[in-house]
Amino acid sequence: MIGKLKGTVDESDEESATIDVHGVGYVAFCGARTLAHLPGRGEAVELFVETYVREDMIRLYGFSTKAEREWFRLLQSVQGVGAKVALAVVGTLTPGDLANAVALQDRATVARAPGVGPKVAARIVAELKDKVPAFSGAGGDETLGLKREIGEGVAPAPVADAVSALVNLGYSREQAAGAVATALKEAGEGAASTALIRLGLKALSR
């Protein structure tokens, strides 16, 4: 099994890149973000790889980071999500974005990925909500835990009210939840919603 490719970029197109490793060209199918960040032809590159072996083919999937590869694997544990959909998701959202979307049960963010409809997005956020901490790739478990409470509708009233207020001001649910989580760390448990809103706006303005 191939787990990593380290060589130079030979060529790339809209869905794959050919990596030259000591004269052998390996074709790796990659998401949009990975392809967008590839160096120029002939330049050094390293891709983390997931190898698929079937009776009629061997296919390599390439990722810029190990976290992206782990999310690619995890997404395929969801009913109805195969390699194509999983690659589209990790090609659209960073590991941190994915962790936040699942924690907040934010189906709309996941549905931004090409080929991911509302029903599939709903299954992804529902089935992966208990697996997010190990795959977050960003932020601490404490912040992520609060976002899960917000997403599940069980956050304390002042927290929920502060998030709602920031969303009404035009911020996304993810931005609002992150700002309120930061504000809660500063203000402490039991802080009033007005204080969380004020500190949340301060965090968003940085």
C-alpha atoms as a PDB file:
ATOM      1  CA  MET A   1       0.000   0.000   0.000  1.00  0.00           C
ATOM      2  CA  ILE A   2       1.206   3.522  -0.803  1.00  0.00           C
ATOM      3  CA  GLY A   3       0.862   5.965   2.094  1.00  0.00           C
ATOM      4  CA  LYS A   4       2.877   8.934   0.861  1.00  0.00           C
ATOM      5  CA  LEU A   5       4.394  10.289  -2.332  1.00  0.00           C
ATOM      6  CA  LYS A   6       7.429  12.552  -2.260  1.00  0.00           C
ATOM      7  CA  GLY A   7       8.786  13.777  -5.577  1.00  0.00           C
ATOM      8  CA  THR A   8       8.112  16.511  -8.126  1.00  0.00           C
ATOM      9  CA  VAL A   9       4.985  17.662  -9.924  1.00  0.00           C
ATOM     10  CA  ASP A  10       4.931  16.288 -13.454  1.00  0.00           C
ATOM     11  CA  GLU A  11       1.503  17.556 -14.466  1.00  0.00           C
ATOM     12  CA  SER A  12      -1.984  18.180 -13.105  1.00  0.00           C
ATOM     13  CA  ASP A  13      -5.542  18.711 -14.311  1.00  0.00           C
ATOM     14  CA  GLU A  14      -8.911  19.457 -12.724  1.00  0.00           C
ATOM     15  CA  GLU A  15      -9.080  16.230 -10.747  1.00  0.00           C
ATOM     16  CA  SER A  16      -5.610  14.710 -10.421  1.00  0.00           C
ATOM     17  CA  ALA A  17      -1.891  15.299 -10.256  1.00  0.00           C
ATOM     18  CA  THR A  18       0.943  13.167 -11.600  1.00  0.00           C
ATOM     19  CA  ILE A  19       3.859  12.996  -9.179  1.00  0.00           C
ATOM     20  CA  ASP A  20       7.258  11.929 -10.485  1.00  0.00           C
ATOM     21  CA  VAL A  21       9.048   9.797  -7.908  1.00  0.00           C
ATOM     22  CA  HIS A  22      12.492   8.772  -9.189  1.00  0.00           C
ATOM     23  CA  GLY A  23      11.239   8.533 -12.763  1.00  0.00           C
ATOM     24  CA  VAL A  24       7.941   6.788 -12.000  1.00  0.00           C
ATOM     25  CA  GLY A  25       4.771   8.843 -12.458  1.00  0.00           C
ATOM     26  CA  TYR A  26       2.015   8.252  -9.905  1.00  0.00           C
ATOM     27  CA  VAL A  27      -1.448   9.650 -10.652  1.00  0.00           C
ATOM     28  CA  ALA A  28      -3.167  10.854  -7.487  1.00  0.00           C
ATOM     29  CA  PHE A  29      -6.767  12.052  -7.486  1.00  0.00           C
ATOM     30  CA  CYS A  30      -7.020  15.164  -5.324  1.00  0.00           C
ATOM     31  CA  GLY A  31      -9.592  17.611  -4.009  1.00  0.00           C
ATOM     32  CA  ALA A  32      -9.841  21.161  -5.289  1.00  0.00           C
ATOM     33  CA  ARG A  33      -7.945  22.731  -2.373  1.00  0.00           C
ATOM     34  CA  THR A  34      -5.015  20.307  -2.706  1.00  0.00           C
ATOM     35  CA  LEU A  35      -4.776  20.902  -6.457  1.00  0.00           C
ATOM     36  CA  ALA A  36      -4.966  24.672  -5.973  1.00  0.00           C
ATOM     37  CA  HIS A  37      -1.984  24.606  -3.605  1.00  0.00           C
ATOM     38  CA  LEU A  38       0.246  22.352  -5.690  1.00  0.00           C
ATOM     39  CA  PRO A  39       3.615  23.883  -6.604  1.00  0.00           C
ATOM     40  CA  GLY A  40       4.573  24.386 -10.238  1.00  0.00           C
ATOM     41  CA  ARG A  41       5.685  21.693 -12.638  1.00  0.00           C
ATOM     42  CA  GLY A  42       9.077  20.257 -11.709  1.00  0.00           C
ATOM     43  CA  GLU A  43       8.900  21.554  -8.136  1.00  0.00           C
ATOM     44  CA  ALA A  44       9.099  19.374  -5.033  1.00  0.00           C
ATOM     45  CA  VAL A  45       5.872  18.124  -3.489  1.00  0.00           C
ATOM     46  CA  GLU A  46       4.705  15.703  -0.816  1.00  0.00           C
ATOM     47  CA  LEU A  47       1.261  14.136  -0.752  1.00  0.00           C
ATOM     48  CA  PHE A  48      -0.291  11.882   1.855  1.00  0.00           C
ATOM     49  CA  VAL A  49      -2.011   9.050   0.026  1.00  0.00           C
ATOM     50  CA  GLU A  50      -4.943   6.706   0.483  1.00  0.00           C
ATOM     51  CA  THR A  51      -4.637   3.647  -1.771  1.00  0.00           C
ATOM     52  CA  TYR A  52      -7.767   1.948  -3.112  1.00  0.00           C
ATOM     53  CA  VAL A  53      -7.363  -1.519  -4.597  1.00  0.00           C
ATOM     54  CA  ARG A  54     -10.233  -3.017  -6.576  1.00  0.00           C
ATOM     55  CA  GLU A  55     -10.447  -6.035  -8.873  1.00  0.00           C
ATOM     56  CA  ASP A  56     -10.335  -3.805 -11.925  1.00  0.00           C
ATOM     57  CA  MET A  57      -8.172  -0.893 -10.756  1.00  0.00           C
ATOM     58  CA  ILE A  58      -5.769   0.665  -8.270  1.00  0.00           C
ATOM     59  CA  ARG A  59      -6.487   4.300  -7.453  1.00  0.00           C
ATOM     60  CA  LEU A  60      -4.500   6.767  -5.342  1.00  0.00           C
ATOM     61  CA  TYR A  61      -6.085   9.717  -3.536  1.00  0.00           C
ATOM     62  CA  GLY A  62      -3.710  12.512  -2.529  1.00  0.00           C
ATOM     63  CA  PHE A  63      -3.941  15.042   0.325  1.00  0.00           C
ATOM     64  CA  SER A  64      -1.852  17.958   1.537  1.00  0.00           C
ATOM     65  CA  THR A  65      -2.094  16.922   5.202  1.00  0.00           C
ATOM     66  CA  LYS A  66      -2.681  13.811   7.277  1.00  0.00           C
ATOM     67  CA  ALA A  67      -5.758  15.466   8.800  1.00  0.00           C
ATOM     68  CA  GLU A  68      -7.386  15.736   5.366  1.00  0.00           C
ATOM     69  CA  ARG A  69      -6.686  12.069   4.715  1.00  0.00           C
ATOM     70  CA  GLU A  70      -8.205  11.094   8.075  1.00  0.00           C
ATOM     71  CA  TRP A  71     -11.343  13.082   7.314  1.00  0.00           C
ATOM     72  CA  PHE A  72     -11.528  11.431   3.882  1.00  0.00           C
ATOM     73  CA  ARG A  73     -11.549   8.044   5.607  1.00  0.00           C
ATOM     74  CA  LEU A  74     -13.990   9.133   8.309  1.00  0.00           C
ATOM     75  CA  LEU A  75     -16.484  10.626   5.888  1.00  0.00           C
ATOM     76  CA  GLN A  76     -16.792   7.294   4.112  1.00  0.00           C
ATOM     77  CA  SER A  77     -18.098   5.711   7.307  1.00  0.00           C
ATOM     78  CA  VAL A  78     -21.293   7.705   6.706  1.00  0.00           C
ATOM     79  CA  GLN A  79     -24.081   5.892   4.876  1.00  0.00           C
ATOM     80  CA  GLY A  80     -24.189   6.885   1.222  1.00  0.00           C
ATOM     81  CA  VAL A  81     -20.809   8.639   1.194  1.00  0.00           C
ATOM     82  CA  GLY A  82     -18.213   7.144  -1.123  1.00  0.00           C
ATOM     83  CA  ALA A  83     -14.772   8.267  -2.181  1.00  0.00           C
ATOM     84  CA  LYS A  84     -16.058  10.812  -4.713  1.00  0.00           C
ATOM     85  CA  VAL A  85     -18.272  12.649  -2.230  1.00  0.00           C
ATOM     86  CA  ALA A  86     -15.665  12.445   0.557  1.00  0.00           C
ATOM     87  CA  LEU A  87     -13.036  13.934  -1.756  1.00  0.00           C
ATOM     88  CA  ALA A  88     -15.406  16.748  -2.724  1.00  0.00           C
ATOM     89  CA  VAL A  89     -16.001  17.577   0.947  1.00  0.00           C
ATOM     90  CA  VAL A  90     -12.324  17.673   1.968  1.00  0.00           C
ATOM     91  CA  GLY A  91     -11.612  19.548  -1.242  1.00  0.00           C
ATOM     92  CA  THR A  92     -14.059  22.273  -0.197  1.00  0.00           C
ATOM     93  CA  LEU A  93     -13.670  22.494   3.600  1.00  0.00           C
ATOM     94  CA  THR A  94     -10.568  22.468   5.778  1.00  0.00           C
ATOM     95  CA  PRO A  95     -10.390  19.955   8.650  1.00  0.00           C
ATOM     96  CA  GLY A  96     -11.153  22.803  11.049  1.00  0.00           C
ATOM     97  CA  ASP A  97     -14.158  23.922   8.993  1.00  0.00           C
ATOM     98  CA  LEU A  98     -15.444  20.355   8.925  1.00  0.00           C
ATOM     99  CA  ALA A  99     -15.032  19.909  12.660  1.00  0.00           C
ATOM    100  CA  ASN A 100     -16.918  23.137  13.334  1.00  0.00           C
ATOM    101  CA  ALA A 101     -19.678  22.281  10.867  1.00  0.00           C
ATOM    102  CA  VAL A 102     -20.246  18.861  12.426  1.00  0.00           C
ATOM    103  CA  ALA A 103     -20.075  20.224  15.977  1.00  0.00           C
ATOM    104  CA  LEU A 104     -22.594  22.951  15.137  1.00  0.00           C
ATOM    105  CA  GLN A 105     -24.735  20.543  13.092  1.00  0.00           C
ATOM    106  CA  ASP A 106     -24.303  23.016  10.239  1.00  0.00           C
ATOM    107  CA  ARG A 107     -25.664  21.122   7.248  1.00  0.00           C
ATOM    108  CA  ALA A 108     -25.526  24.169   4.971  1.00  0.00           C
ATOM    109  CA  THR A 109     -21.744  24.442   5.249  1.00  0.00           C
ATOM    110  CA  VAL A 110     -21.220  20.765   4.407  1.00  0.00           C
ATOM    111  CA  ALA A 111     -23.658  21.061   1.509  1.00  0.00           C
ATOM    112  CA  ARG A 112     -21.354  23.632  -0.109  1.00  0.00           C
ATOM    113  CA  ALA A 113     -19.285  20.725  -1.417  1.00  0.00           C
ATOM    114  CA  PRO A 114     -20.106  19.760  -5.032  1.00  0.00           C
ATOM    115  CA  GLY A 115     -22.435  16.779  -5.249  1.00  0.00           C
ATOM    116  CA  VAL A 116     -23.463  16.941  -1.589  1.00  0.00           C
ATOM    117  CA  GLY A 117     -27.194  17.440  -1.240  1.00  0.00           C
ATOM    118  CA  PRO A 118     -29.152  18.381   1.905  1.00  0.00           C
ATOM    119  CA  LYS A 119     -29.903  14.759   2.847  1.00  0.00           C
ATOM    120  CA  VAL A 120     -26.267  13.635   2.596  1.00  0.00           C
ATOM    121  CA  ALA A 121     -25.091  16.738   4.480  1.00  0.00           C
ATOM    122  CA  ALA A 122     -27.619  15.992   7.229  1.00  0.00           C
ATOM    123  CA  ARG A 123     -26.346  12.416   7.550  1.00  0.00           C
ATOM    124  CA  ILE A 124     -22.726  13.595   7.709  1.00  0.00           C
ATOM    125  CA  VAL A 125     -23.274  16.031  10.584  1.00  0.00           C
ATOM    126  CA  ALA A 126     -25.566  13.604  12.428  1.00  0.00           C
ATOM    127  CA  GLU A 127     -23.451  10.468  12.133  1.00  0.00           C
ATOM    128  CA  LEU A 128     -20.085  12.132  12.828  1.00  0.00           C
ATOM    129  CA  LYS A 129     -21.018  14.367  15.765  1.00  0.00           C
ATOM    130  CA  ASP A 130     -19.578  11.964  18.355  1.00  0.00           C
ATOM    131  CA  LYS A 131     -16.347  11.497  16.392  1.00  0.00           C
ATOM    132  CA  VAL A 132     -15.407  15.146  15.893  1.00  0.00           C
ATOM    133  CA  PRO A 133     -12.992  15.722  18.816  1.00  0.00           C
ATOM    134  CA  ALA A 134     -10.485  13.186  17.519  1.00  0.00           C
ATOM    135  CA  PHE A 135     -10.540  14.745  14.044  1.00  0.00           C
ATOM    136  CA  SER A 136     -10.955  18.442  14.802  1.00  0.00           C
ATOM    137  CA  GLY A 137      -7.552  19.595  13.562  1.00  0.00           C
ATOM    138  CA  ALA A 138      -8.224  22.992  15.085  1.00  0.00           C
ATOM    139  CA  GLY A 139      -9.124  24.416  18.458  1.00  0.00           C
ATOM    140  CA  GLY A 140      -9.343  22.716  21.832  1.00  0.00           C
ATOM    141  CA  ASP A 141     -11.866  20.154  22.961  1.00  0.00           C
ATOM    142  CA  GLU A 142     -13.339  22.740  25.344  1.00  0.00           C
ATOM    143  CA  THR A 143     -14.284  25.128  22.538  1.00  0.00           C
ATOM    144  CA  LEU A 144     -15.420  22.292  20.317  1.00  0.00           C
ATOM    145  CA  GLY A 145     -17.522  20.910  23.151  1.00  0.00           C
ATOM    146  CA  LEU A 146     -19.322  24.230  23.519  1.00  0.00           C
ATOM    147  CA  LYS A 147     -19.975  24.331  19.782  1.00  0.00           C
ATOM    148  CA  ARG A 148     -21.494  20.851  20.023  1.00  0.00           C
ATOM    149  CA  GLU A 149     -23.806  22.091  22.787  1.00  0.00           C
ATOM    150  CA  ILE A 150     -24.831  24.995  20.580  1.00  0.00           C
ATOM    151  CA  GLY A 151     -25.410  22.691  17.619  1.00  0.00           C
ATOM    152  CA  GLU A 152     -27.485  20.283  19.672  1.00  0.00           C
ATOM    153  CA  GLY A 153     -29.530  23.074  21.246  1.00  0.00           C
ATOM    154  CA  VAL A 154     -28.445  22.320  24.818  1.00  0.00           C
ATOM    155  CA  ALA A 155     -26.128  25.280  25.427  1.00  0.00           C
ATOM    156  CA  PRO A 156     -26.921  27.586  28.388  1.00  0.00           C
ATOM    157  CA  ALA A 157     -29.480  30.272  27.544  1.00  0.00           C
ATOM    158  CA  PRO A 158     -27.012  33.225  27.681  1.00  0.00           C
ATOM    159  CA  VAL A 159     -24.698  31.407  25.252  1.00  0.00           C
ATOM    160  CA  ALA A 160     -27.509  30.540  22.848  1.00  0.00           C
ATOM    161  CA  ASP A 161     -28.865  34.100  23.035  1.00  0.00           C
ATOM    162  CA  ALA A 162     -25.428  35.579  22.340  1.00  0.00           C
ATOM    163  CA  VAL A 163     -24.905  33.324  19.330  1.00  0.00           C
ATOM    164  CA  SER A 164     -28.365  34.204  18.017  1.00  0.00           C
ATOM    165  CA  ALA A 165     -27.661  37.923  18.439  1.00  0.00           C
ATOM    166  CA  LEU A 166     -24.392  37.724  16.504  1.00  0.00           C
ATOM    167  CA  VAL A 167     -26.053  35.713  13.726  1.00  0.00           C
ATOM    168  CA  ASN A 168     -28.762  38.387  13.514  1.00  0.00           C
ATOM    169  CA  LEU A 169     -25.998  40.953  13.055  1.00  0.00           C
ATOM    170  CA  GLY A 170     -24.894  39.141   9.912  1.00  0.00           C
ATOM    171  CA  TYR A 171     -22.191  36.781  11.128  1.00  0.00           C
ATOM    172  CA  SER A 172     -22.279  33.116  10.140  1.00  0.00           C
ATOM    173  CA  ARG A 173     -23.282  30.543  12.741  1.00  0.00           C
ATOM    174  CA  GLU A 174     -19.715  29.238  12.801  1.00  0.00           C
ATOM    175  CA  GLN A 175     -18.241  32.721  13.311  1.00  0.00           C
ATOM    176  CA  ALA A 176     -20.775  33.517  16.020  1.00  0.00           C
ATOM    177  CA  ALA A 177     -20.222  30.255  17.884  1.00  0.00           C
ATOM    178  CA  GLY A 178     -16.444  30.657  17.763  1.00  0.00           C
ATOM    179  CA  ALA A 179     -16.633  34.225  19.022  1.00  0.00           C
ATOM    180  CA  VAL A 180     -18.966  33.325  21.879  1.00  0.00           C
ATOM    181  CA  ALA A 181     -16.746  30.389  22.836  1.00  0.00           C
ATOM    182  CA  THR A 182     -13.806  32.785  23.022  1.00  0.00           C
ATOM    183  CA  ALA A 183     -15.894  35.281  24.999  1.00  0.00           C
ATOM    184  CA  LEU A 184     -16.974  32.615  27.480  1.00  0.00           C
ATOM    185  CA  LYS A 185     -13.344  31.754  28.221  1.00  0.00           C
ATOM    186  CA  GLU A 186     -12.687  35.395  29.031  1.00  0.00           C
ATOM    187  CA  ALA A 187     -15.898  36.141  30.929  1.00  0.00           C
ATOM    188  CA  GLY A 188     -16.212  32.818  32.740  1.00  0.00           C
ATOM    189  CA  GLU A 189     -19.135  30.508  33.376  1.00  0.00           C
ATOM    190  CA  GLY A 190     -22.368  32.265  34.234  1.00  0.00           C
ATOM    191  CA  ALA A 191     -21.634  35.365  32.178  1.00  0.00           C
ATOM    192  CA  ALA A 192     -24.682  37.267  30.939  1.00  0.00           C
ATOM    193  CA  SER A 193     -25.565  37.265  27.271  1.00  0.00           C
ATOM    194  CA  THR A 194     -24.852  41.023  27.008  1.00  0.00           C
ATOM    195  CA  ALA A 195     -21.272  40.466  28.170  1.00  0.00           C
ATOM    196  CA  LEU A 196     -20.831  37.549  25.784  1.00  0.00           C
ATOM    197  CA  ILE A 197     -22.144  39.613  22.883  1.00  0.00           C
ATOM    198  CA  ARG A 198     -19.809  42.501  23.695  1.00  0.00           C
ATOM    199  CA  LEU A 199     -16.754  40.256  24.056  1.00  0.00           C
ATOM    200  CA  GLY A 200     -17.803  38.213  21.028  1.00  0.00           C
ATOM    201  CA  LEU A 201     -17.927  41.341  18.865  1.00  0.00           C
ATOM    202  CA  LYS A 202     -14.521  42.283  20.185  1.00  0.00           C
ATOM    203  CA  ALA A 203     -13.149  38.875  19.193  1.00  0.00           C
ATOM    204  CA  LEU A 204     -14.687  39.144  15.721  1.00  0.00           C
ATOM    205  CA  SER A 205     -13.092  42.556  15.159  1.00  0.00           C
ATOM    206  CA  ARG A 206      -9.550  41.313  15.768  1.00  0.00           C
END
